[in-house]
N, C-alpha and C. Protein backbone atom coordinates (compact mmCIF):
# COMPACT_ATOMS: atom_id res chain seq x y z
N MET A 1 -27.04 -7.76 -1.76
CA MET A 1 -26.36 -7.82 -1.04
C MET A 1 -25.58 -6.82 -0.30
N HIS A 2 -25.44 -6.45 0.80
CA HIS A 2 -24.83 -5.40 1.68
C HIS A 2 -23.51 -5.59 1.83
N THR A 3 -22.54 -4.85 1.16
CA THR A 3 -21.06 -5.30 1.45
C THR A 3 -20.66 -4.39 2.60
N PRO A 4 -20.04 -4.78 3.68
CA PRO A 4 -19.60 -4.08 4.79
C PRO A 4 -18.90 -2.82 4.26
N TYR A 5 -18.97 -1.90 5.05
CA TYR A 5 -18.01 -0.48 4.76
C TYR A 5 -16.30 -0.83 4.71
N ALA A 6 -15.93 -1.73 5.49
CA ALA A 6 -14.32 -1.78 5.66
C ALA A 6 -14.07 -2.58 4.65
N VAL A 7 -15.12 -3.45 4.25
CA VAL A 7 -14.59 -4.39 2.79
C VAL A 7 -14.62 -3.53 1.57
N ARG A 8 -15.59 -2.30 1.31
CA ARG A 8 -15.52 -1.48 0.36
C ARG A 8 -14.32 -0.60 0.17
N VAL A 9 -13.78 -0.30 1.39
CA VAL A 9 -12.63 0.57 1.35
C VAL A 9 -11.51 -0.34 1.13
N LEU A 10 -11.28 -1.50 1.53
CA LEU A 10 -10.28 -2.08 1.21
C LEU A 10 -10.14 -2.51 -0.21
N ILE A 11 -11.50 -2.94 -0.93
CA ILE A 11 -11.33 -3.26 -2.11
C ILE A 11 -11.13 -2.17 -3.03
N LEU A 12 -11.50 -0.91 -2.66
CA LEU A 12 -11.21 0.26 -3.73
C LEU A 12 -9.66 0.46 -3.41
N GLY A 13 -9.08 0.69 -2.10
CA GLY A 13 -7.91 0.91 -2.12
C GLY A 13 -6.90 -0.19 -2.88
N GLY A 14 -7.51 -1.33 -2.80
CA GLY A 14 -6.63 -2.44 -3.58
C GLY A 14 -6.56 -2.35 -5.04
N VAL A 15 -8.12 -2.13 -5.58
CA VAL A 15 -7.86 -1.66 -7.19
C VAL A 15 -7.41 -0.64 -7.52
N LEU A 16 -7.41 0.63 -6.80
CA LEU A 16 -6.32 1.88 -7.27
C LEU A 16 -5.18 1.61 -7.02
N ASN A 17 -4.54 0.74 -6.43
CA ASN A 17 -3.19 0.36 -6.10
C ASN A 17 -2.94 -0.48 -7.41
N LEU A 18 -3.35 -1.47 -7.96
CA LEU A 18 -3.48 -1.88 -8.90
C LEU A 18 -3.60 -1.31 -10.18
N VAL A 19 -4.27 -0.14 -10.13
CA VAL A 19 -4.39 0.59 -11.35
C VAL A 19 -3.03 1.39 -11.50
N LEU A 20 -2.50 2.03 -10.22
CA LEU A 20 -1.58 2.82 -10.13
C LEU A 20 -0.22 1.74 -10.44
N SER A 21 -0.10 0.87 -10.17
CA SER A 21 0.93 -0.43 -10.64
C SER A 21 0.88 -0.56 -12.11
N PHE A 22 -0.14 -0.54 -12.48
CA PHE A 22 -0.29 -0.77 -14.03
C PHE A 22 0.41 0.42 -14.87
N GLY A 23 -0.16 1.87 -14.27
CA GLY A 23 0.49 2.81 -14.90
C GLY A 23 1.91 3.05 -14.53
N LEU A 24 2.39 2.94 -13.53
CA LEU A 24 3.78 3.11 -13.40
C LEU A 24 4.55 1.96 -14.17
N GLY A 25 4.09 0.78 -14.32
CA GLY A 25 4.73 -0.27 -15.33
C GLY A 25 4.79 0.28 -16.61
N TRP A 26 3.61 1.28 -17.37
CA TRP A 26 4.10 1.75 -18.50
C TRP A 26 4.95 2.86 -18.52
N VAL A 27 5.07 3.69 -17.20
CA VAL A 27 5.80 4.79 -17.38
C VAL A 27 7.50 3.98 -17.35
N LEU A 28 7.71 2.75 -16.56
CA LEU A 28 8.86 2.06 -16.44
C LEU A 28 9.12 1.30 -17.68
N SER A 29 8.39 1.01 -18.38
CA SER A 29 8.71 0.19 -20.02
C SER A 29 9.12 1.35 -20.67
N ALA A 30 8.40 2.36 -20.95
CA ALA A 30 8.95 3.73 -21.65
C ALA A 30 10.43 3.97 -21.21
N LYS A 31 10.56 4.00 -20.00
CA LYS A 31 12.07 4.57 -19.38
C LYS A 31 12.93 3.50 -20.01
N ARG A 32 12.65 2.00 -19.77
CA ARG A 32 13.71 1.21 -20.03
C ARG A 32 14.14 1.19 -21.46
N MET A 33 13.11 1.82 -22.34
CA MET A 33 13.28 1.42 -23.88
C MET A 33 14.65 2.07 -24.23
N LYS A 34 15.08 3.32 -23.22
CA LYS A 34 16.02 4.27 -23.29
C LYS A 34 17.00 4.17 -22.79
N GLU A 35 16.93 3.89 -21.48
CA GLU A 35 17.86 3.61 -20.38
C GLU A 35 17.95 2.31 -19.61
N PRO A 36 19.12 2.12 -18.71
CA PRO A 36 19.33 0.86 -17.99
C PRO A 36 18.58 1.28 -16.77
N ILE A 37 18.14 0.00 -16.43
CA ILE A 37 17.31 0.07 -15.07
C ILE A 37 18.02 0.43 -13.76
N ALA A 38 19.13 0.56 -13.59
CA ALA A 38 19.91 1.08 -12.62
C ALA A 38 19.18 2.35 -12.32
N LYS A 39 19.11 3.28 -13.30
CA LYS A 39 18.62 4.70 -13.25
C LYS A 39 16.97 4.68 -12.57
N HIS A 40 16.45 3.70 -12.75
CA HIS A 40 14.90 3.40 -12.47
C HIS A 40 14.64 2.81 -11.37
N HIS A 41 15.55 2.34 -10.24
CA HIS A 41 15.73 1.57 -9.43
C HIS A 41 14.33 1.69 -8.73
N TRP A 42 13.99 3.12 -8.20
CA TRP A 42 12.76 3.34 -7.17
C TRP A 42 11.63 3.31 -8.14
N LEU A 43 11.77 3.85 -9.21
CA LEU A 43 10.39 3.26 -9.95
C LEU A 43 9.64 1.87 -10.26
N LEU A 44 10.98 1.21 -10.27
CA LEU A 44 10.61 -0.31 -10.40
C LEU A 44 10.12 -0.49 -8.97
N VAL A 45 10.62 -0.07 -8.01
CA VAL A 45 10.26 -0.52 -6.39
C VAL A 45 8.74 0.32 -6.27
N ALA A 46 8.40 1.20 -7.07
CA ALA A 46 7.13 1.84 -6.79
C ALA A 46 6.10 0.98 -7.45
N HIS A 47 6.28 0.43 -8.75
CA HIS A 47 5.68 -0.44 -9.53
C HIS A 47 5.32 -1.55 -8.79
N THR A 48 6.48 -2.34 -8.09
CA THR A 48 6.18 -3.63 -7.63
C THR A 48 5.60 -3.53 -5.99
N VAL A 49 5.46 -2.30 -5.49
CA VAL A 49 5.15 -2.06 -4.05
C VAL A 49 3.82 -1.71 -4.18
N SER A 50 3.18 -1.12 -5.47
CA SER A 50 1.82 -0.91 -5.51
C SER A 50 1.21 -1.86 -5.86
N LEU A 51 1.92 -2.84 -6.60
CA LEU A 51 1.23 -4.26 -6.96
C LEU A 51 0.97 -5.05 -5.58
N GLN A 52 1.85 -5.21 -4.76
CA GLN A 52 1.86 -5.85 -3.48
C GLN A 52 0.73 -5.07 -2.37
N GLU A 53 0.90 -4.12 -2.47
CA GLU A 53 -0.27 -3.44 -1.64
C GLU A 53 -1.62 -3.52 -2.03
N GLY A 54 -1.91 -3.44 -3.43
CA GLY A 54 -3.16 -3.86 -4.01
C GLY A 54 -3.58 -5.24 -3.58
N LEU A 55 -2.51 -6.16 -3.79
CA LEU A 55 -3.02 -7.44 -3.67
C LEU A 55 -3.18 -7.87 -2.01
N MET A 56 -2.42 -7.03 -1.27
CA MET A 56 -2.50 -7.10 0.10
C MET A 56 -3.99 -6.72 0.91
N LEU A 57 -4.40 -5.59 -0.14
CA LEU A 57 -5.65 -4.98 0.44
C LEU A 57 -6.74 -5.51 -0.04
N LEU A 58 -6.77 -6.47 -1.18
CA LEU A 58 -7.60 -7.05 -1.64
C LEU A 58 -7.90 -8.55 -0.54
N ALA A 59 -6.84 -9.15 -0.48
CA ALA A 59 -6.90 -10.21 0.79
C ALA A 59 -7.52 -9.68 1.78
N LEU A 60 -7.14 -8.58 2.53
CA LEU A 60 -7.58 -8.23 3.81
C LEU A 60 -9.16 -7.73 3.76
N SER A 61 -9.46 -7.62 2.28
CA SER A 61 -10.96 -7.23 2.22
C SER A 61 -11.75 -8.35 2.43
N TRP A 62 -11.16 -9.77 2.26
CA TRP A 62 -11.81 -10.95 2.45
C TRP A 62 -11.77 -11.34 3.84
N ALA A 63 -10.48 -10.97 4.57
CA ALA A 63 -10.21 -11.46 6.11
C ALA A 63 -10.99 -10.65 6.60
N VAL A 64 -11.25 -9.00 6.46
CA VAL A 64 -11.98 -8.67 7.50
C VAL A 64 -13.55 -8.90 7.71
N MET A 65 -14.00 -9.86 6.63
CA MET A 65 -15.46 -10.13 6.72
C MET A 65 -15.50 -11.38 7.67
N PHE A 66 -14.42 -11.71 8.32
CA PHE A 66 -14.47 -12.66 9.44
C PHE A 66 -14.01 -12.02 11.13
N ALA A 67 -13.79 -10.67 10.81
CA ALA A 67 -13.37 -9.92 11.94
C ALA A 67 -14.59 -9.81 12.92
N GLU A 68 -14.28 -9.85 14.21
CA GLU A 68 -15.13 -9.48 14.98
C GLU A 68 -14.90 -8.17 15.75
N LEU A 69 -15.31 -7.11 14.73
CA LEU A 69 -15.25 -5.73 15.53
C LEU A 69 -16.47 -4.71 15.14
N SER A 70 -16.55 -3.73 15.75
CA SER A 70 -17.75 -2.86 15.38
C SER A 70 -17.36 -2.33 14.00
N THR A 71 -18.39 -1.70 13.12
CA THR A 71 -18.39 -1.39 12.04
C THR A 71 -17.28 -0.10 11.84
N THR A 72 -17.36 0.79 13.14
CA THR A 72 -16.20 2.00 13.06
C THR A 72 -14.99 1.66 13.52
N VAL A 73 -14.53 0.64 14.05
CA VAL A 73 -13.18 0.04 14.46
C VAL A 73 -12.85 -0.71 13.06
N ALA A 74 -13.62 -1.49 12.73
CA ALA A 74 -13.28 -2.18 11.21
C ALA A 74 -12.98 -1.33 10.36
N ALA A 75 -13.77 0.04 10.10
CA ALA A 75 -13.65 0.79 9.30
C ALA A 75 -12.23 1.89 9.51
N THR A 76 -11.89 2.08 10.82
CA THR A 76 -10.70 2.81 10.90
C THR A 76 -9.55 1.88 10.36
N GLY A 77 -9.40 0.55 10.95
CA GLY A 77 -8.26 -0.23 10.27
C GLY A 77 -8.27 -0.31 8.94
N ALA A 78 -9.39 -0.23 8.31
CA ALA A 78 -9.06 -0.50 6.68
C ALA A 78 -8.72 0.98 6.30
N TRP A 79 -9.07 2.17 6.79
CA TRP A 79 -8.90 3.26 6.20
C TRP A 79 -7.30 3.55 6.66
N LEU A 80 -6.65 3.10 7.98
CA LEU A 80 -5.46 2.92 7.93
C LEU A 80 -4.68 2.25 7.10
N LEU A 81 -4.85 1.18 6.71
CA LEU A 81 -4.21 0.34 5.76
C LEU A 81 -4.08 0.92 4.45
N VAL A 82 -5.40 1.57 3.86
CA VAL A 82 -5.47 2.06 2.85
C VAL A 82 -4.58 3.47 2.54
N LEU A 83 -4.48 4.34 3.62
CA LEU A 83 -3.94 5.33 3.55
C LEU A 83 -2.24 5.06 3.69
N ALA A 84 -1.89 3.84 4.48
CA ALA A 84 -0.61 3.42 4.59
C ALA A 84 -0.06 3.18 3.25
N SER A 85 -1.18 2.59 2.29
CA SER A 85 -0.62 2.18 1.11
C SER A 85 -0.43 3.21 0.24
N VAL A 86 -0.76 4.61 0.36
CA VAL A 86 -0.61 5.88 -0.32
C VAL A 86 0.74 6.35 -0.10
N PHE A 87 1.03 5.94 1.32
CA PHE A 87 2.24 6.63 1.64
C PHE A 87 3.50 5.79 1.07
N GLN A 88 3.09 4.54 1.20
CA GLN A 88 4.18 3.63 0.65
C GLN A 88 4.33 3.79 -0.79
N ASP A 89 3.38 4.02 -1.39
CA ASP A 89 3.40 4.09 -3.01
C ASP A 89 4.05 5.27 -3.66
N LEU A 90 3.73 6.30 -2.71
CA LEU A 90 4.30 7.60 -2.68
C LEU A 90 5.78 7.40 -2.34
N SER A 91 6.36 7.04 -1.48
CA SER A 91 7.56 6.53 -1.02
C SER A 91 8.58 6.22 -2.62
N GLY A 92 8.25 5.24 -3.13
CA GLY A 92 9.27 4.73 -4.33
C GLY A 92 9.23 5.93 -5.37
N VAL A 93 7.96 6.56 -5.53
CA VAL A 93 7.96 7.54 -6.81
C VAL A 93 8.70 9.14 -6.15
N ALA A 94 8.80 9.26 -4.75
CA ALA A 94 9.50 10.60 -4.26
C ALA A 94 10.92 10.15 -4.48
N ASN A 95 11.27 8.96 -4.11
CA ASN A 95 12.96 8.59 -4.31
C ASN A 95 13.28 8.55 -5.71
N TRP A 96 12.55 8.17 -6.62
CA TRP A 96 12.72 7.93 -8.03
C TRP A 96 13.14 9.28 -8.76
N LEU A 97 11.67 10.11 -8.36
CA LEU A 97 11.95 11.56 -8.80
C LEU A 97 13.20 12.57 -8.46
N THR A 98 13.46 12.19 -7.18
CA THR A 98 14.69 12.72 -6.33
C THR A 98 15.91 12.31 -6.46
N ARG A 99 15.80 11.34 -7.24
CA ARG A 99 17.24 10.26 -7.53
C ARG A 99 17.99 10.09 -6.54
N THR A 100 17.25 9.65 -5.47
CA THR A 100 17.87 9.21 -4.17
C THR A 100 18.50 7.87 -4.36
N ASP A 101 19.48 7.74 -3.61
CA ASP A 101 20.34 6.57 -3.72
C ASP A 101 19.95 5.72 -2.51
N ASP A 102 20.24 5.84 -1.35
CA ASP A 102 19.84 5.25 -0.35
C ASP A 102 18.93 6.08 0.46
N GLN A 103 17.52 5.51 0.49
CA GLN A 103 16.85 6.34 1.20
C GLN A 103 17.25 6.43 2.72
N PHE A 104 17.53 5.48 3.39
CA PHE A 104 17.98 5.17 4.82
C PHE A 104 19.20 6.32 5.15
N ALA A 105 20.04 6.10 4.41
CA ALA A 105 21.31 6.94 4.61
C ALA A 105 21.01 8.66 4.05
N ALA A 106 20.37 9.02 3.29
CA ALA A 106 19.50 10.36 3.06
C ALA A 106 18.82 11.05 3.82
N LYS A 107 17.92 10.03 4.60
CA LYS A 107 16.57 10.15 5.29
C LYS A 107 15.76 11.28 4.15
N SER A 108 15.59 10.67 3.07
CA SER A 108 14.80 11.22 2.21
C SER A 108 13.47 11.33 2.29
N THR A 109 12.64 12.10 1.60
CA THR A 109 11.33 12.48 1.52
C THR A 109 10.59 11.16 1.55
N GLY A 110 11.27 9.94 0.39
CA GLY A 110 10.60 8.59 0.39
C GLY A 110 11.17 8.08 1.40
N TRP A 111 11.80 7.99 2.46
CA TRP A 111 12.02 7.37 3.64
C TRP A 111 11.04 8.01 4.47
N LEU A 112 11.04 9.43 4.36
CA LEU A 112 9.81 9.87 5.32
C LEU A 112 8.09 9.28 5.00
N LEU A 113 8.24 9.13 3.99
CA LEU A 113 7.01 8.54 3.46
C LEU A 113 6.69 7.25 4.10
N ALA A 114 8.03 6.16 3.65
CA ALA A 114 7.49 4.82 4.04
C ALA A 114 7.63 4.92 5.72
N SER A 115 8.19 5.86 6.38
CA SER A 115 7.97 5.38 7.91
C SER A 115 6.72 5.81 8.16
N ILE A 116 6.10 6.88 7.64
CA ILE A 116 4.75 6.92 8.16
C ILE A 116 3.52 5.83 7.54
N ASN A 117 3.92 5.31 6.45
CA ASN A 117 3.51 4.00 6.23
C ASN A 117 3.38 2.87 7.28
N ALA A 118 4.89 2.74 7.73
CA ALA A 118 5.04 1.78 8.79
C ALA A 118 4.44 1.93 9.70
N VAL A 119 3.92 3.11 10.50
CA VAL A 119 3.03 3.42 11.55
C VAL A 119 1.83 3.00 11.33
N LEU A 120 1.25 3.66 10.21
CA LEU A 120 -0.32 3.36 9.83
C LEU A 120 -0.49 2.06 9.51
N ASN A 121 0.45 1.06 8.87
CA ASN A 121 0.20 -0.11 8.53
C ASN A 121 0.12 -0.81 9.66
N THR A 122 1.06 -0.73 10.70
CA THR A 122 1.39 -1.51 11.94
C THR A 122 -0.23 -1.46 12.84
N VAL A 123 -0.54 -0.39 12.72
CA VAL A 123 -1.93 -0.02 13.76
C VAL A 123 -2.92 -0.49 12.99
N GLY A 124 -2.86 -0.06 11.22
CA GLY A 124 -4.34 -0.91 10.73
C GLY A 124 -4.26 -2.33 11.01
N LEU A 125 -3.20 -2.95 10.59
CA LEU A 125 -2.85 -4.52 10.60
C LEU A 125 -3.36 -5.02 11.86
N ALA A 126 -2.77 -4.33 13.05
CA ALA A 126 -3.15 -4.71 14.22
C ALA A 126 -4.51 -4.91 14.81
N ILE A 127 -5.29 -3.74 14.20
CA ILE A 127 -6.69 -3.80 14.61
C ILE A 127 -7.53 -4.78 13.73
N ILE A 128 -7.21 -5.03 12.53
CA ILE A 128 -7.76 -6.00 11.53
C ILE A 128 -7.28 -7.29 12.17
N ALA A 129 -6.27 -7.63 12.42
CA ALA A 129 -5.67 -8.76 12.76
C ALA A 129 -6.29 -9.26 14.25
N TYR A 130 -6.69 -8.58 15.05
CA TYR A 130 -7.05 -8.53 16.30
C TYR A 130 -8.54 -8.82 16.12
N GLY A 131 -9.59 -8.14 14.99
CA GLY A 131 -10.56 -8.82 15.11
C GLY A 131 -11.09 -9.96 14.30
N VAL A 132 -9.96 -10.26 13.30
CA VAL A 132 -10.14 -11.67 12.83
C VAL A 132 -9.75 -12.74 13.57
N VAL A 133 -8.74 -12.88 14.64
CA VAL A 133 -8.40 -13.65 15.58
C VAL A 133 -9.70 -13.73 16.49
N ARG A 134 -10.36 -12.67 16.83
CA ARG A 134 -11.49 -12.74 17.74
C ARG A 134 -12.64 -13.64 17.29
N GLY A 135 -12.48 -13.20 15.60
CA GLY A 135 -13.93 -13.73 14.78
C GLY A 135 -13.89 -15.39 14.76
N VAL A 136 -12.31 -15.56 14.26
CA VAL A 136 -12.35 -16.98 14.01
C VAL A 136 -11.76 -18.09 15.34
N THR A 137 -11.78 -17.23 16.36
CA THR A 137 -11.65 -18.49 17.35
C THR A 137 -12.49 -18.71 18.32
């Protein structure tokens, strides 16, 4: 069975996000054994977000099979979504490592990474959503 390239990209990105979430969960557990959660808010955010990103990418790997898009356009959308997830994952980690309180007020590195994520995710999701709507209507 031949799996379309965009599907493989999204599955790989999804699984790697889940692996990252699991690893961050171990780090968070170790930190929580010694310190209160407030100190590790952004680590908890990074753990949760990487789980959510992984599940989103895995769900989109199924949805993209219904998309009416060229191979290149579907792959572009998939890669934009996977790259966006990297920026989102790193956002929480960066805020945790720099002990950021409010990323919006501080315009922190994490805020910058999350902003890049927002742009990439918007474009990638628009591409995939357009193709899915074309494919199922």
